[in-house]
Structure formats: structure tokens, C-alpha cells
Amino acid sequence: MSAYFIAQIRIHDREQYRVYEDGFDEIFARYQGTVIIVDDHPTVLEGEFRYSRIVVVKFPSETEALRWYESAEYQALARHRFRAADADTILALARE
């Protein structure tokens, strides 16, 4: 069953966030994920979008998504994101 990592991100320090972005691909390539969406200007159809970015990443399974997210390499890199932005993230499983 596919799993989707979904992040709504409010970036407040672009320079620090760039450090996160610069290291992301190298770590992410070790896992079986596919970046589906990175959008800094999504179209809001209902309600409010109080973030500056939406990210959607697809993994072949919940296990693989958690293997990536919980890895020491990603968590070390994510510290830059934690300092540079506020985010709400979820992992959602596809109905297949």
C-alpha cells in the first residue's frame, strides 16, 4: 500500500531552509520515494492556506516512508528545516 508524506510548510528563514534543500536530494535518493509535488503557490479552493509551501512525497509503503523519515541522516538534515520553518506533516496511506 503506497504511503504519502504530506507537508505544509511556513518558511521564515530562507537561507537556513536552503541548507535543508541543498542536502535533501542526496539523502532522499537512498530511499524509494518519489517527490510528487513541491508548490510555493497552490490554488486555495476552500478555507485558508497559511503556509508558504506544500510538499507531497510518495513511497511504496509506510515502512519505507518511515525508514526515510526516521533515518539518522534525514533527521540530522531536518534540523535545518526545524530551525527555518514551521510545518505540519502527515503520513497518509493510499486506498488501493
Protein backbone atom coordinates (compact mmCIF):
# COMPACT_ATOMS: atom_id res chain seq x y z
CA MET A 1 0.00 0.00 0.00
CA SER A 2 1.50 3.35 -1.05
CA ALA A 3 2.17 5.97 1.59
CA TYR A 4 2.20 9.73 1.09
CA PHE A 5 4.25 12.13 3.19
CA ILE A 6 2.46 15.49 3.08
CA ALA A 7 4.00 18.66 4.49
CA GLN A 8 2.53 22.13 4.79
CA ILE A 9 5.45 24.43 5.48
CA ARG A 10 5.72 28.05 6.57
CA ILE A 11 9.29 29.17 5.83
CA HIS A 12 10.60 32.07 7.93
CA ASP A 13 14.35 31.74 7.25
CA ARG A 14 15.01 31.11 3.54
CA GLU A 15 18.78 30.92 3.97
CA GLN A 16 18.59 28.19 6.61
CA TYR A 17 15.89 26.40 4.61
CA ARG A 18 18.19 26.42 1.57
CA VAL A 19 20.71 24.38 3.57
CA TYR A 20 17.95 21.79 4.05
CA GLU A 21 17.05 21.85 0.35
CA ASP A 22 20.68 21.54 -0.73
CA GLY A 23 21.13 18.32 1.26
CA PHE A 24 17.73 16.79 0.60
CA ASP A 25 18.26 15.04 -2.76
CA GLU A 26 21.41 13.20 -1.71
CA ILE A 27 19.71 11.64 1.32
CA PHE A 28 16.32 11.13 -0.34
CA ALA A 29 17.90 9.21 -3.25
CA ARG A 30 18.73 6.35 -0.85
CA TYR A 31 15.05 5.59 -0.34
CA GLN A 32 12.29 4.51 -2.69
CA GLY A 33 10.34 7.76 -2.62
CA THR A 34 9.15 9.99 -5.44
CA VAL A 35 8.60 13.70 -4.98
CA ILE A 36 5.17 14.35 -6.46
CA ILE A 37 4.54 18.00 -5.54
CA VAL A 38 6.57 20.97 -4.34
CA ASP A 39 4.46 24.09 -4.75
CA ASP A 40 5.03 27.53 -3.28
CA HIS A 41 1.75 28.89 -4.66
CA PRO A 42 -1.02 26.27 -4.53
CA THR A 43 -4.51 27.32 -5.54
CA VAL A 44 -6.72 27.55 -2.47
CA LEU A 45 -10.21 26.26 -3.20
CA GLU A 46 -11.65 26.42 0.32
CA GLY A 47 -10.53 27.93 3.60
CA GLU A 48 -7.11 29.48 4.09
CA PHE A 49 -3.62 28.23 3.32
CA ARG A 50 -1.33 29.82 5.89
CA TYR A 51 1.82 28.20 4.60
CA SER A 52 4.45 29.12 2.03
CA ARG A 53 4.89 25.61 0.58
CA ILE A 54 3.17 22.26 0.15
CA VAL A 55 5.16 19.06 -0.43
CA VAL A 56 3.83 15.61 -1.32
CA VAL A 57 6.14 12.60 -1.49
CA LYS A 58 5.04 9.08 -2.45
CA PHE A 59 6.61 5.91 -1.04
CA PRO A 60 5.81 2.30 -1.96
CA SER A 61 4.91 1.54 1.67
CA GLU A 62 4.51 3.03 5.11
CA THR A 63 7.60 1.08 6.18
CA GLU A 64 9.76 2.74 3.52
CA ALA A 65 8.39 6.20 4.31
CA LEU A 66 9.23 5.77 7.98
CA ARG A 67 12.63 4.30 7.15
CA TRP A 68 13.41 7.57 5.33
CA TYR A 69 11.84 9.94 7.86
CA GLU A 70 13.31 8.26 10.92
CA SER A 71 16.79 7.74 9.43
CA ALA A 72 19.67 9.38 11.27
CA GLU A 73 20.77 11.11 8.04
CA TYR A 74 17.39 12.69 7.38
CA GLN A 75 16.83 13.71 11.00
CA ALA A 76 20.25 15.42 11.06
CA LEU A 77 19.34 17.34 7.90
CA ALA A 78 15.79 18.07 9.10
CA ARG A 79 17.20 20.11 11.99
CA HIS A 80 17.82 22.86 9.41
CA ARG A 81 14.15 22.72 8.39
CA PHE A 82 13.06 22.75 12.03
CA ARG A 83 15.06 25.97 12.57
CA ALA A 84 13.97 27.58 9.29
CA ALA A 85 10.27 26.77 9.15
CA ASP A 86 7.15 25.67 10.94
CA ALA A 87 5.47 22.66 9.41
CA ASP A 88 2.52 20.36 9.76
CA THR A 89 3.36 16.92 8.34
CA ILE A 90 1.37 13.73 8.00
CA LEU A 91 1.79 10.27 6.56
CA ALA A 92 -1.31 9.04 4.74
CA LEU A 93 -1.90 5.59 3.30
CA ALA A 94 -3.49 5.20 -0.14
CA ARG A 95 -6.56 3.05 -0.57
CA GLU A 96 -5.51 0.57 -3.18
